Amino acid sequence: MEVKIGVQHAPREIVLESGQSAEEVESAVADALAGKAQLLSLQDDKGRKVLVPADKIAYVEIGEPTVRRVGFGQL
């Protein structure tokens, strides 16, 4: 699923494809914003970790889970 993270005072947002569920991402964001964690830590599809300081998060947009299509059908 696609996750977009807006960072304060940064002109661009962070966009990553995560293999985590929407509930896992939401829980990690809630913990970071509640002060339980100083960093928001998410892992993308390729195994890389993205760390964002919790006090610099402007917004987080959690997209719909995407289903990978296979074949030559209509898009």
N, C-alpha and C. Protein backbone atom coordinates (compact mmCIF):
# COMPACT_ATOMS: atom_id res chain seq x y z
N MET A 1 0.83 -1.16 0.00
CA MET A 1 0.00 0.00 0.00
C MET A 1 0.88 1.22 0.00
N GLU A 2 0.37 2.29 -0.57
CA GLU A 2 1.13 3.53 -0.66
C GLU A 2 0.92 4.36 0.60
N VAL A 3 2.03 4.87 1.14
CA VAL A 3 2.00 5.72 2.32
C VAL A 3 2.72 7.01 1.97
N LYS A 4 2.06 8.15 2.22
CA LYS A 4 2.67 9.46 1.99
C LYS A 4 2.83 10.14 3.34
N ILE A 5 4.04 10.67 3.57
CA ILE A 5 4.33 11.34 4.83
C ILE A 5 4.78 12.76 4.53
N GLY A 6 4.05 13.72 5.06
CA GLY A 6 4.44 15.12 4.93
C GLY A 6 5.33 15.49 6.10
N VAL A 7 6.44 16.16 5.80
CA VAL A 7 7.40 16.56 6.83
C VAL A 7 7.41 18.09 6.90
N GLN A 8 7.36 18.62 8.11
CA GLN A 8 7.36 20.07 8.30
C GLN A 8 8.62 20.68 7.71
N HIS A 9 8.46 21.84 7.07
CA HIS A 9 9.56 22.61 6.49
C HIS A 9 10.31 21.86 5.40
N ALA A 10 9.66 20.90 4.78
CA ALA A 10 10.25 20.17 3.65
C ALA A 10 9.31 20.33 2.45
N PRO A 11 9.84 20.72 1.29
CA PRO A 11 8.97 20.99 0.14
C PRO A 11 8.34 19.73 -0.47
N ARG A 12 8.92 18.57 -0.23
CA ARG A 12 8.40 17.34 -0.83
C ARG A 12 7.97 16.37 0.25
N GLU A 13 7.03 15.53 -0.10
CA GLU A 13 6.59 14.49 0.83
C GLU A 13 7.36 13.21 0.58
N ILE A 14 7.36 12.34 1.57
CA ILE A 14 7.99 11.02 1.44
C ILE A 14 6.90 10.05 0.99
N VAL A 15 7.15 9.34 -0.09
CA VAL A 15 6.19 8.37 -0.62
C VAL A 15 6.87 7.00 -0.65
N LEU A 16 6.20 6.00 -0.06
CA LEU A 16 6.76 4.66 -0.09
C LEU A 16 5.65 3.63 -0.24
N GLU A 17 6.02 2.51 -0.83
CA GLU A 17 5.12 1.37 -0.94
C GLU A 17 5.46 0.42 0.20
N SER A 18 4.52 0.21 1.09
CA SER A 18 4.76 -0.60 2.27
C SER A 18 4.01 -1.91 2.18
N GLY A 19 4.65 -2.95 2.68
CA GLY A 19 4.01 -4.26 2.77
C GLY A 19 3.23 -4.42 4.05
N GLN A 20 3.32 -3.42 4.94
CA GLN A 20 2.59 -3.48 6.20
C GLN A 20 1.11 -3.20 5.95
N SER A 21 0.27 -3.68 6.86
CA SER A 21 -1.17 -3.44 6.72
C SER A 21 -1.48 -2.01 7.15
N ALA A 22 -2.67 -1.54 6.80
CA ALA A 22 -3.10 -0.20 7.17
C ALA A 22 -3.15 -0.05 8.69
N GLU A 23 -3.55 -1.10 9.38
CA GLU A 23 -3.63 -1.06 10.84
C GLU A 23 -2.24 -0.93 11.47
N GLU A 24 -1.26 -1.64 10.91
CA GLU A 24 0.11 -1.55 11.42
C GLU A 24 0.69 -0.15 11.22
N VAL A 25 0.46 0.42 10.05
CA VAL A 25 0.95 1.77 9.77
C VAL A 25 0.26 2.78 10.69
N GLU A 26 -1.04 2.66 10.82
CA GLU A 26 -1.79 3.58 11.68
C GLU A 26 -1.32 3.48 13.13
N SER A 27 -1.07 2.29 13.60
CA SER A 27 -0.59 2.09 14.97
C SER A 27 0.79 2.72 15.17
N ALA A 28 1.68 2.56 14.20
CA ALA A 28 3.02 3.14 14.30
C ALA A 28 2.95 4.67 14.31
N VAL A 29 2.07 5.24 13.49
CA VAL A 29 1.89 6.69 13.44
C VAL A 29 1.31 7.19 14.75
N ALA A 30 0.30 6.49 15.26
CA ALA A 30 -0.34 6.90 16.53
C ALA A 30 0.66 6.86 17.68
N ASP A 31 1.50 5.83 17.73
CA ASP A 31 2.51 5.73 18.78
C ASP A 31 3.52 6.88 18.69
N ALA A 32 3.92 7.21 17.47
CA ALA A 32 4.89 8.30 17.29
C ALA A 32 4.29 9.64 17.69
N LEU A 33 3.04 9.88 17.30
CA LEU A 33 2.41 11.17 17.62
C LEU A 33 2.03 11.28 19.09
N ALA A 34 1.79 10.16 19.75
CA ALA A 34 1.44 10.17 21.17
C ALA A 34 2.67 10.31 22.07
N GLY A 35 3.86 10.24 21.48
CA GLY A 35 5.08 10.39 22.25
C GLY A 35 5.65 9.07 22.76
N LYS A 36 5.06 7.95 22.37
CA LYS A 36 5.58 6.65 22.79
C LYS A 36 6.87 6.30 22.07
N ALA A 37 7.06 6.89 20.90
CA ALA A 37 8.28 6.68 20.12
C ALA A 37 8.74 8.03 19.58
N GLN A 38 10.04 8.25 19.53
CA GLN A 38 10.56 9.51 19.01
C GLN A 38 10.65 9.51 17.49
N LEU A 39 10.65 8.31 16.90
CA LEU A 39 10.74 8.17 15.45
C LEU A 39 9.57 7.36 14.92
N LEU A 40 9.08 7.76 13.75
CA LEU A 40 8.14 6.93 13.02
C LEU A 40 8.98 6.04 12.12
N SER A 41 8.86 4.75 12.29
CA SER A 41 9.66 3.79 11.54
C SER A 41 8.73 2.92 10.69
N LEU A 42 8.91 2.99 9.37
CA LEU A 42 8.13 2.16 8.45
C LEU A 42 9.10 1.44 7.51
N GLN A 43 8.68 0.28 7.03
CA GLN A 43 9.51 -0.51 6.12
C GLN A 43 8.82 -0.59 4.78
N ASP A 44 9.58 -0.37 3.70
CA ASP A 44 8.99 -0.45 2.37
C ASP A 44 9.03 -1.88 1.83
N ASP A 45 8.51 -2.06 0.62
CA ASP A 45 8.42 -3.38 0.00
C ASP A 45 9.79 -4.03 -0.22
N LYS A 46 10.83 -3.23 -0.37
CA LYS A 46 12.16 -3.76 -0.65
C LYS A 46 12.97 -3.99 0.62
N GLY A 47 12.36 -3.79 1.78
CA GLY A 47 13.04 -4.04 3.04
C GLY A 47 13.77 -2.86 3.63
N ARG A 48 13.73 -1.71 2.96
CA ARG A 48 14.40 -0.52 3.48
C ARG A 48 13.54 0.13 4.55
N LYS A 49 14.17 0.70 5.57
CA LYS A 49 13.44 1.39 6.64
C LYS A 49 13.46 2.88 6.39
N VAL A 50 12.32 3.51 6.65
CA VAL A 50 12.19 4.96 6.57
C VAL A 50 11.93 5.45 7.99
N LEU A 51 12.78 6.36 8.46
CA LEU A 51 12.66 6.90 9.81
C LEU A 51 12.38 8.40 9.71
N VAL A 52 11.33 8.85 10.40
CA VAL A 52 10.96 10.26 10.41
C VAL A 52 10.81 10.69 11.86
N PRO A 53 11.45 11.80 12.27
CA PRO A 53 11.26 12.28 13.64
C PRO A 53 9.79 12.60 13.89
N ALA A 54 9.26 12.12 14.99
CA ALA A 54 7.83 12.27 15.27
C ALA A 54 7.40 13.72 15.38
N ASP A 55 8.28 14.58 15.90
CA ASP A 55 7.90 15.98 16.07
C ASP A 55 7.93 16.78 14.77
N LYS A 56 8.37 16.17 13.66
CA LYS A 56 8.41 16.85 12.36
C LYS A 56 7.34 16.36 11.39
N ILE A 57 6.48 15.43 11.83
CA ILE A 57 5.44 14.89 10.96
C ILE A 57 4.33 15.93 10.80
N ALA A 58 4.02 16.28 9.55
CA ALA A 58 2.93 17.20 9.26
C ALA A 58 1.63 16.42 9.02
N TYR A 59 1.71 15.36 8.22
CA TYR A 59 0.54 14.51 7.95
C TYR A 59 1.01 13.16 7.43
N VAL A 60 0.12 12.19 7.53
CA VAL A 60 0.37 10.86 6.97
C VAL A 60 -0.88 10.44 6.22
N GLU A 61 -0.70 10.07 4.96
CA GLU A 61 -1.81 9.61 4.12
C GLU A 61 -1.61 8.13 3.84
N ILE A 62 -2.57 7.32 4.25
CA ILE A 62 -2.48 5.87 4.05
C ILE A 62 -3.41 5.51 2.90
N GLY A 63 -2.83 4.96 1.83
CA GLY A 63 -3.61 4.62 0.64
C GLY A 63 -4.28 3.26 0.76
N GLU A 64 -5.05 2.95 -0.25
CA GLU A 64 -5.73 1.67 -0.33
C GLU A 64 -4.71 0.58 -0.67
N PRO A 65 -4.90 -0.62 -0.18
CA PRO A 65 -4.01 -1.72 -0.59
C PRO A 65 -4.14 -1.93 -2.10
N THR A 66 -3.01 -2.05 -2.77
CA THR A 66 -3.03 -2.22 -4.22
C THR A 66 -2.86 -3.69 -4.56
N VAL A 67 -3.60 -4.12 -5.53
CA VAL A 67 -3.51 -5.49 -6.02
C VAL A 67 -2.70 -5.45 -7.30
N ARG A 68 -1.65 -6.22 -7.35
CA ARG A 68 -0.81 -6.22 -8.55
C ARG A 68 -1.51 -7.02 -9.65
N ARG A 69 -1.64 -6.38 -10.80
CA ARG A 69 -2.29 -7.03 -11.93
C ARG A 69 -1.24 -7.69 -12.80
N VAL A 70 -1.59 -8.83 -13.33
CA VAL A 70 -0.68 -9.58 -14.17
C VAL A 70 -1.38 -9.82 -15.49
N GLY A 71 -0.64 -9.66 -16.58
CA GLY A 71 -1.21 -9.94 -17.89
C GLY A 71 -1.34 -8.69 -18.74
N PHE A 72 -2.07 -8.83 -19.83
CA PHE A 72 -2.20 -7.74 -20.79
C PHE A 72 -3.63 -7.24 -20.89
N GLY A 73 -4.40 -7.35 -19.82
CA GLY A 73 -5.78 -6.87 -19.83
C GLY A 73 -5.84 -5.35 -19.81
N GLN A 74 -7.04 -4.84 -19.81
CA GLN A 74 -7.23 -3.38 -19.78
C GLN A 74 -6.78 -2.84 -18.43
N LEU A 75 -6.25 -1.64 -18.45
CA LEU A 75 -5.78 -1.00 -17.22
C LEU A 75 -6.87 -0.21 -16.57
